[in-house]
Amino acid sequence: MQGQRIHYSVAFKEHNYKPEATFAERAIKWESIVHTGNRKDMSWAERWTDLLEMGVFDLPLVAQIVGELRDGISSDSDLIHIMDRLSFIAFSGW
């Protein structure tokens, strides 16, 4: 779908990851994005900022995530998801 963004996590998938989605009207191949992510150096993302959903790097989101931790987590899977988001932001230095 035109204007739709791709979740940043695609850049951290293994080389053999093959999404079912296709790019509309873009001369972009999945192989140029998949497995290019680097949590310690975010320069890889600069060329994809118009294509990737980068909401995870929204620093006000940190306050929301910390609030969720403070208010209590309902399941272990939610806790793992939240901790993964926080570690991603912390290691990225974004």
PDB file of N, CA and C in Angstrom:
ATOM      1  N   MET A   1       0.839  -1.166   0.000  1.00  0.00           N
ATOM      2  CA  MET A   1       0.000   0.000   0.000  1.00  0.00           C
ATOM      3  C   MET A   1       0.895   1.243   0.000  1.00  0.00           C
ATOM      4  N   GLN A   2       0.611   2.161  -0.870  1.00  0.00           N
ATOM      5  CA  GLN A   2       1.418   3.360  -0.984  1.00  0.00           C
ATOM      6  C   GLN A   2       1.311   4.185   0.290  1.00  0.00           C
ATOM      7  N   GLY A   3       2.445   4.687   0.777  1.00  0.00           N
ATOM      8  CA  GLY A   3       2.476   5.490   1.987  1.00  0.00           C
ATOM      9  C   GLY A   3       2.603   4.681   3.257  1.00  0.00           C
ATOM     10  N   GLN A   4       2.390   3.388   3.165  1.00  0.00           N
ATOM     11  CA  GLN A   4       2.512   2.539   4.342  1.00  0.00           C
ATOM     12  C   GLN A   4       3.984   2.324   4.647  1.00  0.00           C
ATOM     13  N   ARG A   5       4.310   2.293   5.925  1.00  0.00           N
ATOM     14  CA  ARG A   5       5.701   2.119   6.334  1.00  0.00           C
ATOM     15  C   ARG A   5       5.950   0.683   6.794  1.00  0.00           C
ATOM     16  N   ILE A   6       7.198   0.314   6.757  1.00  0.00           N
ATOM     17  CA  ILE A   6       7.633  -1.022   7.154  1.00  0.00           C
ATOM     18  C   ILE A   6       8.167  -0.953   8.574  1.00  0.00           C
ATOM     19  N   HIS A   7       7.816  -1.917   9.397  1.00  0.00           N
ATOM     20  CA  HIS A   7       8.297  -1.936  10.772  1.00  0.00           C
ATOM     21  C   HIS A   7       9.816  -2.069  10.786  1.00  0.00           C
ATOM     22  N   TYR A   8      10.469  -1.290  11.646  1.00  0.00           N
ATOM     23  CA  TYR A   8      11.927  -1.285  11.721  1.00  0.00           C
ATOM     24  C   TYR A   8      12.518  -2.663  11.972  1.00  0.00           C
ATOM     25  N   SER A   9      11.774  -3.548  12.622  1.00  0.00           N
ATOM     26  CA  SER A   9      12.308  -4.856  12.991  1.00  0.00           C
ATOM     27  C   SER A   9      12.717  -5.692  11.781  1.00  0.00           C
ATOM     28  N   VAL A  10      12.180  -5.372  10.602  1.00  0.00           N
ATOM     29  CA  VAL A  10      12.557  -6.096   9.385  1.00  0.00           C
ATOM     30  C   VAL A  10      14.066  -5.990   9.161  1.00  0.00           C
ATOM     31  N   ALA A  11      14.643  -4.860   9.517  1.00  0.00           N
ATOM     32  CA  ALA A  11      16.083  -4.661   9.329  1.00  0.00           C
ATOM     33  C   ALA A  11      16.916  -5.552  10.249  1.00  0.00           C
ATOM     34  N   PHE A  12      16.290  -6.146  11.250  1.00  0.00           N
ATOM     35  CA  PHE A  12      17.005  -6.999  12.192  1.00  0.00           C
ATOM     36  C   PHE A  12      16.691  -8.484  12.010  1.00  0.00           C
ATOM     37  N   LYS A  13      15.933  -8.808  10.994  1.00  0.00           N
ATOM     38  CA  LYS A  13      15.621 -10.212  10.710  1.00  0.00           C
ATOM     39  C   LYS A  13      16.839 -10.905  10.097  1.00  0.00           C
ATOM     40  N   GLU A  14      16.830 -12.215  10.135  1.00  0.00           N
ATOM     41  CA  GLU A  14      17.910 -12.999   9.527  1.00  0.00           C
ATOM     42  C   GLU A  14      17.899 -12.831   8.008  1.00  0.00           C
ATOM     43  N   HIS A  15      19.051 -13.077   7.389  1.00  0.00           N
ATOM     44  CA  HIS A  15      19.188 -12.925   5.934  1.00  0.00           C
ATOM     45  C   HIS A  15      18.118 -13.674   5.146  1.00  0.00           C
ATOM     46  N   ASN A  16      17.705 -14.833   5.634  1.00  0.00           N
ATOM     47  CA  ASN A  16      16.763 -15.663   4.877  1.00  0.00           C
ATOM     48  C   ASN A  16      15.298 -15.262   5.075  1.00  0.00           C
ATOM     49  N   TYR A  17      15.029 -14.188   5.822  1.00  0.00           N
ATOM     50  CA  TYR A  17      13.657 -13.724   6.047  1.00  0.00           C
ATOM     51  C   TYR A  17      13.058 -13.222   4.739  1.00  0.00           C
ATOM     52  N   LYS A  18      11.893 -13.737   4.393  1.00  0.00           N
ATOM     53  CA  LYS A  18      11.198 -13.353   3.157  1.00  0.00           C
ATOM     54  C   LYS A  18       9.777 -12.896   3.497  1.00  0.00           C
ATOM     55  N   PRO A  19       9.555 -11.589   3.589  1.00  0.00           N
ATOM     56  CA  PRO A  19       8.206 -11.100   3.871  1.00  0.00           C
ATOM     57  C   PRO A  19       7.250 -11.414   2.726  1.00  0.00           C
ATOM     58  N   GLU A  20       5.972 -11.537   3.047  1.00  0.00           N
ATOM     59  CA  GLU A  20       4.972 -11.764   2.012  1.00  0.00           C
ATOM     60  C   GLU A  20       4.607 -10.472   1.301  1.00  0.00           C
ATOM     61  N   ALA A  21       4.789  -9.343   1.974  1.00  0.00           N
ATOM     62  CA  ALA A  21       4.442  -8.043   1.386  1.00  0.00           C
ATOM     63  C   ALA A  21       5.372  -7.724   0.219  1.00  0.00           C
ATOM     64  N   THR A  22       4.886  -6.884  -0.673  1.00  0.00           N
ATOM     65  CA  THR A  22       5.703  -6.425  -1.795  1.00  0.00           C
ATOM     66  C   THR A  22       5.703  -4.901  -1.810  1.00  0.00           C
ATOM     67  N   PHE A  23       6.706  -4.336  -2.417  1.00  0.00           N
ATOM     68  CA  PHE A  23       6.801  -2.893  -2.535  1.00  0.00           C
ATOM     69  C   PHE A  23       6.004  -2.429  -3.751  1.00  0.00           C
ATOM     70  N   ALA A  24       5.136  -1.468  -3.546  1.00  0.00           N
ATOM     71  CA  ALA A  24       4.372  -0.896  -4.649  1.00  0.00           C
ATOM     72  C   ALA A  24       5.125   0.302  -5.216  1.00  0.00           C
ATOM     73  N   GLU A  25       5.347   0.269  -6.508  1.00  0.00           N
ATOM     74  CA  GLU A  25       5.955   1.390  -7.220  1.00  0.00           C
ATOM     75  C   GLU A  25       7.338   1.781  -6.705  1.00  0.00           C
ATOM     76  N   ARG A  26       8.025   0.912  -6.062  1.00  0.00           N
ATOM     77  CA  ARG A  26       9.373   1.229  -5.572  1.00  0.00           C
ATOM     78  C   ARG A  26      10.358   0.211  -6.126  1.00  0.00           C
ATOM     79  N   ALA A  27      11.494   0.707  -6.455  1.00  0.00           N
ATOM     80  CA  ALA A  27      12.545  -0.175  -6.959  1.00  0.00           C
ATOM     81  C   ALA A  27      13.402  -0.646  -5.789  1.00  0.00           C
ATOM     82  N   ILE A  28      12.748  -1.069  -4.727  1.00  0.00           N
ATOM     83  CA  ILE A  28      13.443  -1.518  -3.522  1.00  0.00           C
ATOM     84  C   ILE A  28      13.218  -3.008  -3.366  1.00  0.00           C
ATOM     85  N   LYS A  29      14.252  -3.692  -3.007  1.00  0.00           N
ATOM     86  CA  LYS A  29      14.149  -5.122  -2.767  1.00  0.00           C
ATOM     87  C   LYS A  29      14.323  -5.366  -1.270  1.00  0.00           C
ATOM     88  N   TRP A  30      13.590  -6.347  -0.759  1.00  0.00           N
ATOM     89  CA  TRP A  30      13.688  -6.676   0.663  1.00  0.00           C
ATOM     90  C   TRP A  30      15.126  -6.935   1.082  1.00  0.00           C
ATOM     91  N   GLU A  31      15.897  -7.536   0.200  1.00  0.00           N
ATOM     92  CA  GLU A  31      17.273  -7.893   0.546  1.00  0.00           C
ATOM     93  C   GLU A  31      18.113  -6.677   0.913  1.00  0.00           C
ATOM     94  N   SER A  32      17.720  -5.502   0.444  1.00  0.00           N
ATOM     95  CA  SER A  32      18.491  -4.300   0.760  1.00  0.00           C
ATOM     96  C   SER A  32      18.170  -3.762   2.154  1.00  0.00           C
ATOM     97  N   ILE A  33      17.120  -4.286   2.792  1.00  0.00           N
ATOM     98  CA  ILE A  33      16.740  -3.842   4.133  1.00  0.00           C
ATOM     99  C   ILE A  33      16.947  -4.937   5.177  1.00  0.00           C
ATOM    100  N   VAL A  34      16.547  -6.154   4.838  1.00  0.00           N
ATOM    101  CA  VAL A  34      16.608  -7.266   5.786  1.00  0.00           C
ATOM    102  C   VAL A  34      18.046  -7.482   6.246  1.00  0.00           C
ATOM    103  N   HIS A  35      18.201  -7.591   7.557  1.00  0.00           N
ATOM    104  CA  HIS A  35      19.480  -7.895   8.214  1.00  0.00           C
ATOM    105  C   HIS A  35      20.522  -6.768   8.046  1.00  0.00           C
ATOM    106  N   THR A  36      20.065  -5.528   7.874  1.00  0.00           N
ATOM    107  CA  THR A  36      21.002  -4.405   7.773  1.00  0.00           C
ATOM    108  C   THR A  36      21.060  -3.606   9.065  1.00  0.00           C
ATOM    109  N   GLY A  37      20.171  -3.896  10.006  1.00  0.00           N
ATOM    110  CA  GLY A  37      20.101  -3.133  11.244  1.00  0.00           C
ATOM    111  C   GLY A  37      21.295  -3.350  12.145  1.00  0.00           C
ATOM    112  N   ASN A  38      21.647  -2.301  12.854  1.00  0.00           N
ATOM    113  CA  ASN A  38      22.751  -2.354  13.814  1.00  0.00           C
ATOM    114  C   ASN A  38      22.329  -1.506  15.004  1.00  0.00           C
ATOM    115  N   ARG A  39      22.091  -2.121  16.134  1.00  0.00           N
ATOM    116  CA  ARG A  39      21.602  -1.394  17.312  1.00  0.00           C
ATOM    117  C   ARG A  39      22.614  -0.387  17.843  1.00  0.00           C
ATOM    118  N   LYS A  40      23.894  -0.595  17.600  1.00  0.00           N
ATOM    119  CA  LYS A  40      24.913   0.297  18.163  1.00  0.00           C
ATOM    120  C   LYS A  40      25.302   1.423  17.221  1.00  0.00           C
ATOM    121  N   ASP A  41      24.885   1.350  15.987  1.00  0.00           N
ATOM    122  CA  ASP A  41      25.180   2.403  15.009  1.00  0.00           C
ATOM    123  C   ASP A  41      23.957   2.563  14.129  1.00  0.00           C
ATOM    124  N   MET A  42      23.215   3.632  14.351  1.00  0.00           N
ATOM    125  CA  MET A  42      21.952   3.826  13.659  1.00  0.00           C
ATOM    126  C   MET A  42      22.091   4.484  12.298  1.00  0.00           C
ATOM    127  N   SER A  43      23.296   4.679  11.819  1.00  0.00           N
ATOM    128  CA  SER A  43      23.467   5.328  10.517  1.00  0.00           C
ATOM    129  C   SER A  43      22.832   4.516   9.392  1.00  0.00           C
ATOM    130  N   TRP A  44      22.679   3.214   9.564  1.00  0.00           N
ATOM    131  CA  TRP A  44      22.039   2.374   8.546  1.00  0.00           C
ATOM    132  C   TRP A  44      20.618   2.845   8.269  1.00  0.00           C
ATOM    133  N   ALA A  45      19.947   3.436   9.268  1.00  0.00           N
ATOM    134  CA  ALA A  45      18.546   3.810   9.136  1.00  0.00           C
ATOM    135  C   ALA A  45      18.334   5.107   8.363  1.00  0.00           C
ATOM    136  N   GLU A  46      19.373   5.915   8.220  1.00  0.00           N
ATOM    137  CA  GLU A  46      19.223   7.226   7.585  1.00  0.00           C
ATOM    138  C   GLU A  46      18.634   7.129   6.182  1.00  0.00           C
ATOM    139  N   ARG A  47      19.028   6.152   5.429  1.00  0.00           N
ATOM    140  CA  ARG A  47      18.524   6.036   4.060  1.00  0.00           C
ATOM    141  C   ARG A  47      17.112   5.475   3.979  1.00  0.00           C
ATOM    142  N   TRP A  48      16.601   4.968   5.107  1.00  0.00           N
ATOM    143  CA  TRP A  48      15.276   4.345   5.098  1.00  0.00           C
ATOM    144  C   TRP A  48      14.249   5.105   5.932  1.00  0.00           C
ATOM    145  N   THR A  49      14.562   6.298   6.421  1.00  0.00           N
ATOM    146  CA  THR A  49      13.643   6.987   7.329  1.00  0.00           C
ATOM    147  C   THR A  49      12.281   7.273   6.701  1.00  0.00           C
ATOM    148  N   ASP A  50      12.214   7.425   5.388  1.00  0.00           N
ATOM    149  CA  ASP A  50      10.921   7.657   4.746  1.00  0.00           C
ATOM    150  C   ASP A  50      10.145   6.374   4.509  1.00  0.00           C
ATOM    151  N   LEU A  51      10.781   5.235   4.716  1.00  0.00           N
ATOM    152  CA  LEU A  51      10.171   3.946   4.430  1.00  0.00           C
ATOM    153  C   LEU A  51       9.868   3.137   5.696  1.00  0.00           C
ATOM    154  N   LEU A  52      10.753   3.235   6.696  1.00  0.00           N
ATOM    155  CA  LEU A  52      10.589   2.445   7.914  1.00  0.00           C
ATOM    156  C   LEU A  52       9.765   3.187   8.958  1.00  0.00           C
ATOM    157  N   GLU A  53       8.984   2.440   9.701  1.00  0.00           N
ATOM    158  CA  GLU A  53       8.249   2.989  10.831  1.00  0.00           C
ATOM    159  C   GLU A  53       9.246   3.114  11.983  1.00  0.00           C
ATOM    160  N   MET A  54       9.624   4.330  12.289  1.00  0.00           N
ATOM    161  CA  MET A  54      10.676   4.571  13.275  1.00  0.00           C
ATOM    162  C   MET A  54      10.111   5.032  14.613  1.00  0.00           C
ATOM    163  N   GLY A  55       8.831   4.783  14.867  1.00  0.00           N
ATOM    164  CA  GLY A  55       8.188   5.217  16.099  1.00  0.00           C
ATOM    165  C   GLY A  55       8.872   4.721  17.354  1.00  0.00           C
ATOM    166  N   VAL A  56       9.585   3.613  17.273  1.00  0.00           N
ATOM    167  CA  VAL A  56      10.280   3.089  18.443  1.00  0.00           C
ATOM    168  C   VAL A  56      11.331   4.071  18.935  1.00  0.00           C
ATOM    169  N   PHE A  57      11.756   4.983  18.065  1.00  0.00           N
ATOM    170  CA  PHE A  57      12.793   5.941  18.430  1.00  0.00           C
ATOM    171  C   PHE A  57      12.205   7.247  18.958  1.00  0.00           C
ATOM    172  N   ASP A  58      10.900   7.284  19.156  1.00  0.00           N
ATOM    173  CA  ASP A  58      10.240   8.461  19.677  1.00  0.00           C
ATOM    174  C   ASP A  58      10.514   8.517  21.183  1.00  0.00           C
ATOM    175  N   LEU A  59      11.395   9.425  21.587  1.00  0.00           N
ATOM    176  CA  LEU A  59      11.827   9.447  22.980  1.00  0.00           C
ATOM    177  C   LEU A  59      10.699   9.685  23.983  1.00  0.00           C
ATOM    178  N   PRO A  60       9.652  10.462  23.663  1.00  0.00           N
ATOM    179  CA  PRO A  60       8.544  10.540  24.624  1.00  0.00           C
ATOM    180  C   PRO A  60       7.902   9.170  24.896  1.00  0.00           C
ATOM    181  N   LEU A  61       8.107   8.246  23.978  1.00  0.00           N
ATOM    182  CA  LEU A  61       7.606   6.888  24.174  1.00  0.00           C
ATOM    183  C   LEU A  61       8.248   6.242  25.400  1.00  0.00           C
ATOM    184  N   VAL A  62       9.455   6.643  25.722  1.00  0.00           N
ATOM    185  CA  VAL A  62      10.146   6.074  26.877  1.00  0.00           C
ATOM    186  C   VAL A  62       9.331   6.313  28.146  1.00  0.00           C
ATOM    187  N   ALA A  63       8.793   7.524  28.298  1.00  0.00           N
ATOM    188  CA  ALA A  63       7.982   7.827  29.479  1.00  0.00           C
ATOM    189  C   ALA A  63       6.765   6.910  29.549  1.00  0.00           C
ATOM    190  N   GLN A  64       6.153   6.653  28.406  1.00  0.00           N
ATOM    191  CA  GLN A  64       5.001   5.752  28.371  1.00  0.00           C
ATOM    192  C   GLN A  64       5.418   4.343  28.783  1.00  0.00           C
ATOM    193  N   ILE A  65       6.544   3.885  28.251  1.00  0.00           N
ATOM    194  CA  ILE A  65       7.012   2.532  28.565  1.00  0.00           C
ATOM    195  C   ILE A  65       7.329   2.404  30.050  1.00  0.00           C
ATOM    196  N   VAL A  66       8.001   3.409  30.611  1.00  0.00           N
ATOM    197  CA  VAL A  66       8.333   3.382  32.035  1.00  0.00           C
ATOM    198  C   VAL A  66       7.047   3.400  32.862  1.00  0.00           C
ATOM    199  N   GLY A  67       6.057   4.157  32.415  1.00  0.00           N
ATOM    200  CA  GLY A  67       4.760   4.173  33.093  1.00  0.00           C
ATOM    201  C   GLY A  67       4.115   2.799  33.100  1.00  0.00           C
ATOM    202  N   GLU A  68       4.225   2.095  31.987  1.00  0.00           N
ATOM    203  CA  GLU A  68       3.678   0.738  31.921  1.00  0.00           C
ATOM    204  C   GLU A  68       4.376  -0.169  32.920  1.00  0.00           C
ATOM    205  N   LEU A  69       5.682  -0.012  33.049  1.00  0.00           N
ATOM    206  CA  LEU A  69       6.419  -0.817  34.020  1.00  0.00           C
ATOM    207  C   LEU A  69       5.983  -0.472  35.446  1.00  0.00           C
ATOM    208  N   ARG A  70       5.832   0.826  35.705  1.00  0.00           N
ATOM    209  CA  ARG A  70       5.434   1.285  37.039  1.00  0.00           C
ATOM    210  C   ARG A  70       4.047   0.769  37.408  1.00  0.00           C
ATOM    211  N   ASP A  71       3.130   0.776  36.444  1.00  0.00           N
ATOM    212  CA  ASP A  71       1.747   0.389  36.703  1.00  0.00           C
ATOM    213  C   ASP A  71       1.543  -1.115  36.797  1.00  0.00           C
ATOM    214  N   GLY A  72       2.547  -1.859  36.408  1.00  0.00           N
ATOM    215  CA  GLY A  72       2.452  -3.305  36.470  1.00  0.00           C
ATOM    216  C   GLY A  72       2.201  -3.918  35.111  1.00  0.00           C
ATOM    217  N   ILE A  73       2.823  -5.016  34.871  1.00  0.00           N
ATOM    218  CA  ILE A  73       2.728  -5.717  33.601  1.00  0.00           C
ATOM    219  C   ILE A  73       1.849  -6.942  33.804  1.00  0.00           C
ATOM    220  N   SER A  74       0.953  -7.169  32.850  1.00  0.00           N
ATOM    221  CA  SER A  74      -0.018  -8.251  33.008  1.00  0.00           C
ATOM    222  C   SER A  74       0.526  -9.631  32.652  1.00  0.00           C
ATOM    223  N   SER A  75       1.602  -9.670  31.852  1.00  0.00           N
ATOM    224  CA  SER A  75       2.114 -10.992  31.473  1.00  0.00           C
ATOM    225  C   SER A  75       3.618 -10.936  31.224  1.00  0.00           C
ATOM    226  N   ASP A  76       4.227 -12.099  31.262  1.00  0.00           N
ATOM    227  CA  ASP A  76       5.659 -12.185  30.982  1.00  0.00           C
ATOM    228  C   ASP A  76       5.970 -11.751  29.552  1.00  0.00           C
ATOM    229  N   SER A  77       5.084 -12.077  28.614  1.00  0.00           N
ATOM    230  CA  SER A  77       5.343 -11.697  27.216  1.00  0.00           C
ATOM    231  C   SER A  77       5.289 -10.178  27.047  1.00  0.00           C
ATOM    232  N   ASP A  78       4.389  -9.501  27.792  1.00  0.00           N
ATOM    233  CA  ASP A  78       4.358  -8.032  27.750  1.00  0.00           C
ATOM    234  C   ASP A  78       5.637  -7.450  28.320  1.00  0.00           C
ATOM    235  N   LEU A  79       6.117  -8.026  29.420  1.00  0.00           N
ATOM    236  CA  LEU A  79       7.352  -7.553  30.038  1.00  0.00           C
ATOM    237  C   LEU A  79       8.532  -7.720  29.078  1.00  0.00           C
ATOM    238  N   ILE A  80       8.603  -8.855  28.419  1.00  0.00           N
ATOM    239  CA  ILE A  80       9.687  -9.103  27.458  1.00  0.00           C
ATOM    240  C   ILE A  80       9.611  -8.090  26.322  1.00  0.00           C
ATOM    241  N   HIS A  81       8.426  -7.822  25.821  1.00  0.00           N
ATOM    242  CA  HIS A  81       8.244  -6.857  24.741  1.00  0.00           C
ATOM    243  C   HIS A  81       8.694  -5.457  25.174  1.00  0.00           C
ATOM    244  N   ILE A  82       8.284  -5.035  26.357  1.00  0.00           N
ATOM    245  CA  ILE A  82       8.656  -3.715  26.863  1.00  0.00           C
ATOM    246  C   ILE A  82      10.161  -3.613  27.085  1.00  0.00           C
ATOM    247  N   MET A  83      10.754  -4.630  27.660  1.00  0.00           N
ATOM    248  CA  MET A  83      12.196  -4.597  27.905  1.00  0.00           C
ATOM    249  C   MET A  83      12.974  -4.590  26.588  1.00  0.00           C
ATOM    250  N   ASP A  84      12.465  -5.287  25.594  1.00  0.00           N
ATOM    251  CA  ASP A  84      13.113  -5.279  24.287  1.00  0.00           C
ATOM    252  C   ASP A  84      13.063  -3.880  23.683  1.00  0.00           C
ATOM    253  N   ARG A  85      11.930  -3.216  23.807  1.00  0.00           N
ATOM    254  CA  ARG A  85      11.800  -1.854  23.281  1.00  0.00           C
ATOM    255  C   ARG A  85      12.768  -0.911  23.978  1.00  0.00           C
ATOM    256  N   LEU A  86      12.829  -1.004  25.320  1.00  0.00           N
ATOM    257  CA  LEU A  86      13.748  -0.136  26.068  1.00  0.00           C
ATOM    258  C   LEU A  86      15.207  -0.407  25.718  1.00  0.00           C
ATOM    259  N   SER A  87      15.561  -1.672  25.603  1.00  0.00           N
ATOM    260  CA  SER A  87      16.962  -1.991  25.280  1.00  0.00           C
ATOM    261  C   SER A  87      17.312  -1.514  23.884  1.00  0.00           C
ATOM    262  N   PHE A  88      16.353  -1.606  22.976  1.00  0.00           N
ATOM    263  CA  PHE A  88      16.617  -1.128  21.630  1.00  0.00           C
ATOM    264  C   PHE A  88      16.898   0.366  21.614  1.00  0.00           C
ATOM    265  N   ILE A  89      16.071   1.128  22.321  1.00  0.00           N
ATOM    266  CA  ILE A  89      16.267   2.575  22.398  1.00  0.00           C
ATOM    267  C   ILE A  89      17.599   2.888  23.082  1.00  0.00           C
ATOM    268  N   ALA A  90      17.891   2.216  24.175  1.00  0.00           N
ATOM    269  CA  ALA A  90      19.117   2.484  24.923  1.00  0.00           C
ATOM    270  C   ALA A  90      20.367   2.170  24.098  1.00  0.00           C
ATOM    271  N   PHE A  91      20.395   1.023  23.453  1.00  0.00           N
ATOM    272  CA  PHE A  91      21.577   0.646  22.689  1.00  0.00           C
ATOM    273  C   PHE A  91      21.736   1.448  21.408  1.00  0.00           C
ATOM    274  N   SER A  92      20.634   1.939  20.883  1.00  0.00           N
ATOM    275  CA  SER A  92      20.725   2.682  19.619  1.00  0.00           C
ATOM    276  C   SER A  92      21.320   4.055  19.799  1.00  0.00           C
ATOM    277  N   GLY A  93      21.199   4.613  21.008  1.00  0.00           N
ATOM    278  CA  GLY A  93      21.701   5.956  21.248  1.00  0.00           C
ATOM    279  C   GLY A  93      20.935   7.003  20.476  1.00  0.00           C
ATOM    280  N   TRP A  94      19.752   6.642  20.010  1.00  0.00           N
ATOM    281  CA  TRP A  94      18.953   7.523  19.165  1.00  0.00           C
ATOM    282  C   TRP A  94      18.577   8.783  19.867  1.00  0.00           C
TER     283      TRP A  94
END
